[in-house]
Amino acid sequence: MKSWFGKFVPVIFLCDFLFTTFSLFTIFTNVSTLQASEKMIDHTRSVENSLSTTYALLVTAESQQRAYLISGDPVLLNQYNASLKLLSSQIQHLADLTGDNKKHQQNIAKLRMIIPQAIAVLQQEIVDHEQSGRIDISAFSIQQEPPLLDEINKILLSMRNDEEQLLQLREDNTMNEYGAIYTNAGLTFFGNMIIIAIAFYFLRKELQERTDIEQSKDDFINLASHELNTPITSLKIFSRVLRNKLSSKNRTNTKKYLDKIDEQTNKLTMLITDLLDISRIQTGKIRITKEPFSLFALVKETVEGIQGTTRIHTIITRQNYEKDIFADRYRIYQVLVNLLTNAIKYSPKGGTIVISTAKKQKEVVISVTDFGIGIDKKYQRKIFEKLYQVTDTKEKTFPGLGIGLFISREIIARHGGRLWVESKKGKGSTFFFTVPIKNYGQKNRYY
């Protein structure tokens, strides 16, 4: 059954995704607004610069005109004419910059009326000077600006004040957008951190609960295994003693029943061994004791033992590897027994079972083939999981705890080998496992 955390994980991460998406969209909107504000600030500064340049050209033209009237220097007259020429294009540039500002356009219309008048006054003074050939210098000592130039200055100053107010407003908006970006970025970061922290907290809590459950299972398996071992050992001893005594008196039926008792206690013993191995694997204390031994002899011995348990199956050996290997003899025997008993169990109609050995590069490959019910492809990886059993309502249910293949895989893995299956539903299965050959000199150890 899926835990509550497992059910809410998609919801938690969906909320995180939506929150992040909304925050990023908001930040993107703030950035776009900020870019627009900065462009408007640059535009306002361009207008201010244009206003300053316009006024500077007027002042320059007026001052060069006065200097010319006083000195008569033609160079000053040329500078005066150049300023007037630039002034015309500057007014047009100012009009283009402020095309969307109705008030500025009205002021520019006034400038286009007044500036020519001011220029006409300056020109007339030059003409008068050139005709008379002299000028009253005292007339130029008056500090007050000409009325027209003063009016032009007031118009330009009014436009500049408007632009400064607009600039201040836009700079405030820009700072607000910067603040909004920093705030949203901070909220996004801390919001994600909080969501991740919540998810991590509950995940850790659930993992701890699962660890506690697994530990409880392991403790139970350990306790149950040890508790069951004692009476089973006693049963085996007493059944063998009774069988030996009854055999001498030709009580064949009683001996048959005792053989059944002995067979069942052997199955219980194997079950307890498997439970203990599960516990050892979980705690990392399963012992692998490696030694050189004949794989050929082990396969032959195992087949002879398993063959005696079935009358409807024929186990055939095809051994193409006769040298010794360096491994844990009992553990390899345990894997062979598991694969052979599974082959028998999942071939309920009987038939042939083939066990083969062959060398492949630096390892020996052992395979067990049956022609039974086979395994659906979707279950072929899951069957090696602990306590996993295939559930299919269309198939017969077979007894077992689903731990044999898990233990076998762990044993082979700790030998540096691999265990896998190739199967087709309804056609049978072949289980393969490998054991490295050149492992001499390695020390025995706990895994």
Protein backbone atom coordinates (compact mmCIF):
# COMPACT_ATOMS: atom_id res chain seq x y z
CA MET A 1 0.00 0.00 0.00
CA LYS A 2 1.30 3.41 -0.92
CA SER A 3 2.08 5.64 2.07
CA TRP A 4 0.40 8.99 2.59
CA PHE A 5 3.70 10.71 1.82
CA GLY A 6 3.99 8.81 -1.44
CA LYS A 7 0.47 9.96 -2.35
CA PHE A 8 1.20 13.62 -1.54
CA VAL A 9 4.68 13.80 -3.09
CA PRO A 10 3.24 14.73 -6.53
CA VAL A 11 1.00 17.34 -4.88
CA ILE A 12 3.93 18.85 -2.95
CA PHE A 13 6.10 19.11 -6.02
CA LEU A 14 3.20 20.36 -8.15
CA CYS A 15 2.67 23.18 -5.63
CA ASP A 16 6.41 23.91 -5.72
CA PHE A 17 6.34 23.96 -9.54
CA LEU A 18 3.30 26.28 -9.65
CA PHE A 19 4.79 28.58 -7.01
CA THR A 20 8.12 28.75 -8.84
CA THR A 21 6.43 29.29 -12.21
CA PHE A 22 4.29 32.13 -10.83
CA SER A 23 7.31 33.72 -9.12
CA LEU A 24 9.44 33.52 -12.26
CA PHE A 25 6.60 34.97 -14.33
CA THR A 26 6.30 37.85 -11.84
CA ILE A 27 10.06 38.42 -11.93
CA PHE A 28 10.00 38.34 -15.73
CA THR A 29 7.20 40.94 -15.72
CA ASN A 30 9.20 43.10 -13.28
CA VAL A 31 12.31 42.84 -15.45
CA SER A 32 10.33 43.81 -18.56
CA THR A 33 8.83 46.81 -16.73
CA LEU A 34 12.29 47.71 -15.42
CA GLN A 35 13.78 47.66 -18.91
CA ALA A 36 10.95 49.87 -20.16
CA SER A 37 11.50 52.30 -17.25
CA GLU A 38 15.23 52.49 -17.92
CA LYS A 39 14.54 53.24 -21.58
CA MET A 40 12.17 56.04 -20.54
CA ILE A 41 14.80 57.41 -18.15
CA ASP A 42 17.34 57.45 -20.99
CA HIS A 43 14.75 59.20 -23.17
CA THR A 44 14.06 61.85 -20.50
CA ARG A 45 17.79 62.50 -20.12
CA SER A 46 18.05 62.86 -23.91
CA VAL A 47 15.26 65.47 -23.82
CA GLU A 48 17.03 67.35 -21.01
CA ASN A 49 20.30 67.30 -22.94
CA SER A 50 18.51 68.56 -26.04
CA LEU A 51 16.94 71.43 -24.06
CA SER A 52 20.35 72.36 -22.63
CA THR A 53 21.92 72.22 -26.09
CA THR A 54 19.16 74.42 -27.55
CA TYR A 55 19.63 77.08 -24.89
CA ALA A 56 23.42 76.88 -25.18
CA LEU A 57 23.24 77.49 -28.93
CA LEU A 58 21.02 80.55 -28.39
CA VAL A 59 23.36 81.96 -25.76
CA THR A 60 26.39 81.22 -27.93
CA ALA A 61 24.82 82.93 -30.94
CA GLU A 62 23.89 86.00 -28.89
CA SER A 63 27.34 86.26 -27.25
CA GLN A 64 29.18 85.81 -30.58
CA GLN A 65 26.97 88.51 -32.12
CA ARG A 66 27.83 90.98 -29.36
CA ALA A 67 31.50 90.15 -29.56
CA TYR A 68 31.45 90.73 -33.31
CA LEU A 69 29.73 94.10 -32.90
CA ILE A 70 32.40 95.15 -30.42
CA SER A 71 35.47 93.83 -32.23
CA GLY A 72 34.36 93.53 -35.83
CA ASP A 73 36.25 90.22 -36.06
CA PRO A 74 34.72 88.20 -38.99
CA VAL A 75 35.69 84.89 -37.28
CA LEU A 76 33.17 85.69 -34.56
CA LEU A 77 30.54 86.32 -37.20
CA ASN A 78 31.21 82.89 -38.71
CA GLN A 79 30.78 81.27 -35.28
CA TYR A 80 27.54 83.20 -34.83
CA ASN A 81 26.18 81.91 -38.17
CA ALA A 82 27.27 78.32 -37.35
CA SER A 83 25.35 78.45 -34.04
CA LEU A 84 22.20 79.66 -35.82
CA LYS A 85 22.51 76.84 -38.36
CA LEU A 86 22.80 74.19 -35.62
CA LEU A 87 19.92 75.77 -33.72
CA SER A 88 17.44 74.99 -36.49
CA SER A 89 18.28 71.25 -36.56
CA GLN A 90 18.35 71.13 -32.76
CA ILE A 91 14.78 72.48 -32.52
CA GLN A 92 13.64 69.76 -34.94
CA HIS A 93 15.47 67.11 -32.91
CA LEU A 94 13.77 68.37 -29.74
CA ALA A 95 10.38 68.22 -31.48
CA ASP A 96 11.05 64.60 -32.51
CA LEU A 97 12.04 63.57 -28.98
CA THR A 98 8.90 65.08 -27.42
CA GLY A 99 6.41 64.03 -30.08
CA ASP A 100 4.25 62.20 -27.50
CA ASN A 101 4.15 65.17 -25.08
CA LYS A 102 1.37 67.61 -25.97
CA LYS A 103 2.58 70.34 -23.60
CA HIS A 104 6.12 70.22 -24.97
CA GLN A 105 4.82 70.37 -28.54
CA GLN A 106 2.90 73.56 -27.65
CA ASN A 107 6.08 75.07 -26.15
CA ILE A 108 8.13 74.09 -29.21
CA ALA A 109 5.53 75.81 -31.41
CA LYS A 110 6.08 79.00 -29.35
CA LEU A 111 9.86 78.61 -29.71
CA ARG A 112 9.54 78.29 -33.47
CA MET A 113 7.73 81.65 -33.42
CA ILE A 114 9.94 83.52 -30.94
CA ILE A 115 13.40 82.25 -31.97
CA PRO A 116 13.16 83.65 -35.53
CA GLN A 117 12.12 86.99 -34.01
CA ALA A 118 15.12 86.98 -31.69
CA ILE A 119 17.40 86.05 -34.58
CA ALA A 120 15.91 88.88 -36.66
CA VAL A 121 16.77 91.38 -33.90
CA LEU A 122 20.35 90.08 -33.77
CA GLN A 123 20.63 90.25 -37.55
CA GLN A 124 19.29 93.81 -37.63
CA GLU A 125 21.89 94.90 -35.10
CA ILE A 126 24.60 93.41 -37.29
CA VAL A 127 23.22 95.22 -40.36
CA ASP A 128 23.07 98.53 -38.46
CA HIS A 129 26.63 98.05 -37.30
CA GLU A 130 27.92 97.27 -40.76
CA GLN A 131 26.08 100.29 -42.28
CA SER A 132 27.18 102.82 -39.68
CA GLY A 133 30.62 101.39 -39.24
CA ARG A 134 30.60 102.11 -35.51
CA ILE A 135 28.71 101.00 -32.43
CA ASP A 136 27.94 102.32 -28.95
CA ILE A 137 29.90 99.93 -26.69
CA SER A 138 28.04 101.18 -23.65
CA ALA A 139 24.86 99.60 -25.06
CA PHE A 140 26.38 96.18 -24.49
CA SER A 141 27.26 96.71 -20.88
CA ILE A 142 23.67 96.15 -19.79
CA GLN A 143 23.49 92.88 -17.91
CA GLN A 144 19.83 92.18 -18.57
CA GLU A 145 19.17 89.67 -21.35
CA PRO A 146 17.13 90.80 -24.39
CA PRO A 147 13.38 90.31 -23.79
CA LEU A 148 12.97 87.67 -26.50
CA LEU A 149 15.95 85.64 -25.27
CA ASP A 150 14.61 85.88 -21.75
CA GLU A 151 11.21 84.55 -22.90
CA ILE A 152 12.90 81.68 -24.76
CA ASN A 153 14.87 80.85 -21.63
CA LYS A 154 11.66 80.72 -19.56
CA ILE A 155 10.04 78.32 -22.05
CA LEU A 156 13.08 76.04 -22.06
CA LEU A 157 13.30 76.19 -18.26
CA SER A 158 9.61 75.24 -17.97
CA MET A 159 10.17 72.25 -20.26
CA ARG A 160 13.25 71.21 -18.29
CA ASN A 161 11.36 71.38 -14.98
CA ASP A 162 8.67 69.11 -16.43
CA GLU A 163 11.34 66.64 -17.59
CA GLU A 164 13.06 66.66 -14.19
CA GLN A 165 9.77 65.81 -12.47
CA LEU A 166 9.17 63.06 -15.03
CA LEU A 167 12.72 61.79 -14.53
CA GLN A 168 12.28 61.64 -10.76
CA LEU A 169 9.00 59.72 -11.16
CA ARG A 170 10.59 57.24 -13.57
CA GLU A 171 13.65 56.75 -11.36
CA ASP A 172 11.33 56.04 -8.41
CA ASN A 173 9.43 53.51 -10.52
CA THR A 174 12.72 51.91 -11.53
CA MET A 175 13.83 51.58 -7.93
CA ASN A 176 10.45 50.06 -7.05
CA GLU A 177 10.87 47.50 -9.84
CA TYR A 178 14.36 46.65 -8.57
CA GLY A 179 12.90 46.18 -5.11
CA ALA A 180 10.10 44.00 -6.48
CA ILE A 181 12.62 41.82 -8.36
CA TYR A 182 14.77 41.34 -5.25
CA THR A 183 11.67 40.63 -3.15
CA ASN A 184 10.22 38.11 -5.60
CA ALA A 185 13.59 36.42 -6.08
CA GLY A 186 13.98 36.16 -2.31
CA LEU A 187 10.44 34.83 -1.89
CA THR A 188 11.06 32.30 -4.66
CA PHE A 189 14.28 31.11 -3.07
CA PHE A 190 13.00 30.93 0.49
CA GLY A 191 9.63 29.54 -0.64
CA ASN A 192 11.36 26.71 -2.46
CA MET A 193 13.65 26.12 0.48
CA ILE A 194 10.66 25.90 2.83
CA ILE A 195 8.81 23.49 0.51
CA ILE A 196 11.93 21.35 0.09
CA ALA A 197 12.52 21.42 3.84
CA ILE A 198 8.93 20.29 4.49
CA ALA A 199 9.24 17.53 1.90
CA PHE A 200 12.63 16.50 3.33
CA TYR A 201 11.27 16.45 6.88
CA PHE A 202 8.35 14.19 6.03
CA LEU A 203 10.50 12.06 3.74
CA ARG A 204 13.03 11.59 6.50
CA LYS A 205 10.25 10.80 8.95
CA GLU A 206 8.78 8.22 6.60
CA LEU A 207 12.19 6.70 5.88
CA GLN A 208 12.81 6.47 9.61
CA GLU A 209 9.46 4.76 10.07
CA ARG A 210 10.28 2.36 7.28
CA THR A 211 13.71 1.73 8.76
CA ASP A 212 12.13 1.01 12.12
CA ILE A 213 9.66 -1.38 10.47
CA GLU A 214 12.47 -3.13 8.58
CA GLN A 215 14.48 -3.38 11.78
CA SER A 216 11.46 -4.84 13.57
CA LYS A 217 11.05 -7.37 10.77
CA ASP A 218 14.71 -8.31 10.97
CA ASP A 219 14.54 -8.64 14.75
CA PHE A 220 11.45 -10.80 14.43
CA ILE A 221 13.07 -12.98 11.77
CA ASN A 222 16.15 -13.39 13.94
CA LEU A 223 14.13 -14.26 17.02
CA ALA A 224 11.72 -16.56 15.19
CA SER A 225 14.53 -18.35 13.40
CA HIS A 226 16.42 -19.08 16.59
CA GLU A 227 13.27 -20.08 18.46
CA LEU A 228 12.18 -22.43 15.66
CA ASN A 229 15.58 -24.00 15.24
CA THR A 230 15.59 -25.61 18.69
CA PRO A 231 12.40 -27.73 18.40
CA ILE A 232 13.15 -28.59 14.76
CA THR A 233 16.59 -29.88 15.66
CA SER A 234 15.06 -31.99 18.40
CA LEU A 235 12.42 -33.33 15.99
CA LYS A 236 15.08 -34.30 13.46
CA ILE A 237 17.11 -36.14 16.09
CA PHE A 238 14.12 -38.03 17.51
CA SER A 239 12.72 -38.88 14.06
CA ARG A 240 16.04 -40.35 12.95
CA VAL A 241 16.42 -42.33 16.14
CA LEU A 242 12.90 -43.72 15.81
CA ARG A 243 13.35 -44.43 12.11
CA ASN A 244 16.52 -46.39 12.77
CA LYS A 245 14.87 -48.41 15.52
CA LEU A 246 11.68 -49.09 13.56
CA SER A 247 13.60 -49.98 10.40
CA SER A 248 15.20 -52.90 12.19
CA LYS A 249 11.73 -54.30 13.01
CA ASN A 250 10.49 -54.06 9.39
CA ARG A 251 7.78 -51.52 10.17
CA THR A 252 7.90 -49.97 6.72
CA ASN A 253 4.74 -47.82 6.99
CA THR A 254 5.89 -46.22 10.22
CA LYS A 255 9.30 -45.64 8.65
CA LYS A 256 7.58 -43.97 5.68
CA TYR A 257 5.78 -41.54 7.97
CA LEU A 258 8.99 -40.78 9.81
CA ASP A 259 10.68 -40.11 6.46
CA LYS A 260 7.92 -37.60 5.74
CA ILE A 261 8.54 -35.97 9.14
CA ASP A 262 12.24 -35.79 8.33
CA GLU A 263 11.50 -34.31 4.87
CA GLN A 264 9.24 -31.63 6.32
CA THR A 265 11.73 -30.74 9.06
CA ASN A 266 14.36 -30.39 6.32
CA LYS A 267 12.08 -27.91 4.55
CA LEU A 268 11.56 -26.00 7.79
CA THR A 269 15.31 -25.98 8.35
CA MET A 270 15.85 -24.53 4.85
CA LEU A 271 13.17 -21.92 5.51
CA ILE A 272 14.82 -20.92 8.78
CA THR A 273 18.20 -20.76 7.04
CA ASP A 274 16.70 -18.47 4.42
CA LEU A 275 15.18 -16.24 7.10
CA LEU A 276 18.52 -16.05 8.89
CA ASP A 277 20.26 -15.21 5.61
CA ILE A 278 17.78 -12.38 5.01
CA SER A 279 18.64 -11.00 8.44
CA ARG A 280 22.38 -11.38 7.82
CA ILE A 281 22.11 -9.65 4.45
CA GLN A 282 20.20 -6.75 6.03
CA THR A 283 22.82 -6.35 8.76
CA GLY A 284 25.76 -6.97 6.43
CA LYS A 285 26.94 -10.04 8.34
CA ILE A 286 26.47 -12.82 5.81
CA ARG A 287 29.71 -14.78 5.71
CA ILE A 288 31.31 -15.90 2.46
CA THR A 289 33.97 -18.56 3.06
CA LYS A 290 35.87 -19.12 -0.17
CA GLU A 291 37.87 -22.21 -0.98
CA PRO A 292 38.80 -24.14 -4.12
CA PHE A 293 36.38 -26.96 -4.96
CA SER A 294 35.09 -28.92 -7.92
CA LEU A 295 32.02 -27.28 -9.44
CA PHE A 296 31.52 -30.43 -11.53
CA ALA A 297 31.21 -32.56 -8.40
CA LEU A 298 28.98 -30.04 -6.62
CA VAL A 299 26.53 -29.90 -9.55
CA LYS A 300 26.44 -33.70 -9.76
CA GLU A 301 25.89 -34.05 -6.01
CA THR A 302 23.13 -31.39 -5.98
CA VAL A 303 21.30 -32.91 -8.94
CA GLU A 304 21.34 -36.36 -7.33
CA GLY A 305 19.85 -34.94 -4.14
CA ILE A 306 17.14 -32.91 -5.90
CA GLN A 307 16.25 -35.68 -8.34
CA GLY A 308 15.20 -37.84 -5.39
CA THR A 309 12.49 -35.35 -4.47
CA THR A 310 10.52 -35.66 -7.74
CA ARG A 311 9.25 -38.51 -9.90
CA ILE A 312 7.79 -36.51 -12.78
CA HIS A 313 10.88 -34.45 -13.60
CA THR A 314 14.14 -35.53 -15.21
CA ILE A 315 17.20 -33.42 -14.46
CA ILE A 316 19.87 -33.51 -17.17
CA THR A 317 23.39 -32.15 -16.68
CA ARG A 318 25.52 -30.74 -19.48
CA GLN A 319 28.79 -29.83 -17.83
CA ASN A 320 31.51 -28.29 -19.98
CA TYR A 321 33.66 -27.04 -17.12
CA GLU A 322 35.52 -29.52 -14.91
CA LYS A 323 38.16 -27.40 -13.16
CA ASP A 324 37.97 -26.05 -9.61
CA ILE A 325 36.56 -22.65 -8.78
CA PHE A 326 37.34 -20.48 -5.75
CA ALA A 327 34.08 -19.72 -3.96
CA ASP A 328 31.90 -20.58 -0.98
CA ARG A 329 30.87 -24.19 -1.69
CA TYR A 330 27.83 -24.17 0.60
CA ARG A 331 26.53 -20.84 -0.76
CA ILE A 332 26.87 -21.97 -4.38
CA TYR A 333 25.09 -25.21 -3.40
CA GLN A 334 22.37 -23.06 -1.82
CA VAL A 335 21.89 -21.15 -5.10
CA LEU A 336 21.79 -24.36 -7.15
CA VAL A 337 19.18 -25.90 -4.83
CA ASN A 338 17.03 -22.78 -5.05
CA LEU A 339 17.12 -22.65 -8.84
CA LEU A 340 16.47 -26.38 -9.24
CA THR A 341 13.58 -26.45 -6.75
CA ASN A 342 12.06 -23.41 -8.49
CA ALA A 343 12.40 -25.17 -11.85
CA ILE A 344 10.52 -28.14 -10.41
CA LYS A 345 7.89 -26.00 -8.70
CA TYR A 346 7.12 -23.95 -11.80
CA SER A 347 6.96 -27.04 -14.06
CA PRO A 348 3.89 -28.58 -12.39
CA LYS A 349 3.28 -30.98 -15.28
CA GLY A 350 6.77 -32.44 -15.02
CA GLY A 351 9.27 -32.70 -17.84
CA THR A 352 12.94 -32.09 -18.40
CA ILE A 353 15.17 -29.70 -16.46
CA VAL A 354 18.63 -28.95 -17.83
CA ILE A 355 21.57 -27.66 -15.79
CA SER A 356 24.64 -26.55 -17.74
CA THR A 357 28.11 -25.20 -16.97
CA ALA A 358 30.52 -23.49 -19.37
CA LYS A 359 33.52 -21.20 -19.24
CA LYS A 360 33.17 -17.71 -20.69
CA GLN A 361 36.29 -15.57 -20.56
CA LYS A 362 37.25 -15.20 -16.86
CA GLU A 363 34.11 -16.67 -15.34
CA VAL A 364 32.04 -19.81 -15.36
CA VAL A 365 28.38 -19.57 -16.38
CA ILE A 366 25.87 -21.91 -14.76
CA SER A 367 22.33 -22.14 -16.13
CA VAL A 368 19.16 -23.97 -15.07
CA THR A 369 16.48 -24.39 -17.74
CA ASP A 370 12.91 -25.59 -17.32
CA PHE A 371 10.03 -25.85 -19.77
CA GLY A 372 7.27 -24.87 -17.39
CA ILE A 373 4.92 -21.89 -17.13
CA GLY A 374 7.56 -19.22 -17.79
CA ILE A 375 7.63 -15.64 -16.44
CA ASP A 376 5.97 -12.62 -17.99
CA LYS A 377 8.52 -10.01 -19.07
CA LYS A 378 7.07 -7.35 -16.74
CA TYR A 379 7.88 -9.55 -13.70
CA GLN A 380 11.39 -10.67 -14.71
CA ARG A 381 13.22 -7.92 -12.82
CA LYS A 382 10.90 -7.85 -9.81
CA ILE A 383 11.27 -11.56 -8.96
CA PHE A 384 14.71 -10.83 -7.48
CA GLU A 385 13.27 -8.38 -4.95
CA LYS A 386 12.86 -9.39 -1.31
CA LEU A 387 9.48 -10.99 -0.49
CA TYR A 388 8.21 -10.34 -4.03
CA GLN A 389 5.90 -12.89 -5.63
CA VAL A 390 4.21 -12.63 -8.98
CA THR A 391 0.46 -12.16 -8.61
CA ASP A 392 -1.59 -13.14 -11.62
CA THR A 393 -5.20 -14.23 -11.20
CA LYS A 394 -4.96 -16.29 -14.38
CA GLU A 395 -2.16 -18.44 -13.01
CA LYS A 396 -1.96 -21.02 -10.30
CA THR A 397 -0.65 -19.79 -6.97
CA PHE A 398 2.57 -21.49 -5.86
CA PRO A 399 3.71 -21.66 -2.24
CA GLY A 400 6.74 -19.73 -1.05
CA LEU A 401 7.88 -16.56 0.69
CA GLY A 402 9.63 -14.94 -2.28
CA ILE A 403 13.06 -14.81 -0.63
CA GLY A 404 15.02 -17.54 -2.41
CA LEU A 405 15.95 -15.55 -5.51
CA PHE A 406 16.70 -12.46 -3.42
CA ILE A 407 19.17 -14.45 -1.29
CA SER A 408 20.64 -16.16 -4.36
CA ARG A 409 21.22 -12.83 -6.07
CA GLU A 410 22.95 -11.43 -2.96
CA ILE A 411 25.17 -14.52 -2.68
CA ILE A 412 26.24 -14.33 -6.31
CA ALA A 413 26.76 -10.55 -6.08
CA ARG A 414 29.09 -11.07 -3.10
CA HIS A 415 31.08 -13.49 -5.23
CA GLY A 416 31.46 -10.78 -7.89
CA GLY A 417 29.06 -12.50 -10.28
CA ARG A 418 25.63 -11.88 -11.81
CA LEU A 419 22.25 -13.61 -11.67
CA TRP A 420 19.58 -13.07 -14.33
CA VAL A 421 16.71 -14.76 -16.12
CA GLU A 422 15.58 -15.25 -19.68
CA SER A 423 12.01 -16.42 -20.02
CA LYS A 424 8.94 -16.45 -22.21
CA LYS A 425 5.52 -16.95 -20.72
CA GLY A 426 4.24 -20.47 -21.37
CA LYS A 427 7.62 -21.61 -22.77
CA GLY A 428 9.73 -22.00 -19.64
CA SER A 429 12.63 -20.13 -18.08
CA THR A 430 16.43 -20.20 -17.93
CA PHE A 431 18.20 -18.76 -14.91
CA PHE A 432 21.88 -17.90 -15.37
CA PHE A 433 24.52 -17.03 -12.81
CA THR A 434 28.24 -16.44 -13.11
CA VAL A 435 31.13 -17.01 -10.74
CA PRO A 436 34.59 -15.52 -11.42
CA ILE A 437 37.25 -18.20 -11.84
CA LYS A 438 40.47 -16.41 -10.85
CA ASN A 439 39.72 -15.52 -7.24
CA TYR A 440 42.50 -17.48 -5.53
CA GLY A 441 44.24 -15.69 -2.69
CA GLN A 442 41.25 -13.64 -1.54
CA LYS A 443 40.55 -13.72 2.17
CA ASN A 444 37.30 -14.95 3.65
CA ARG A 445 35.25 -12.11 5.05
CA TYR A 446 31.89 -10.93 6.23
CA TYR A 447 29.77 -9.00 3.73
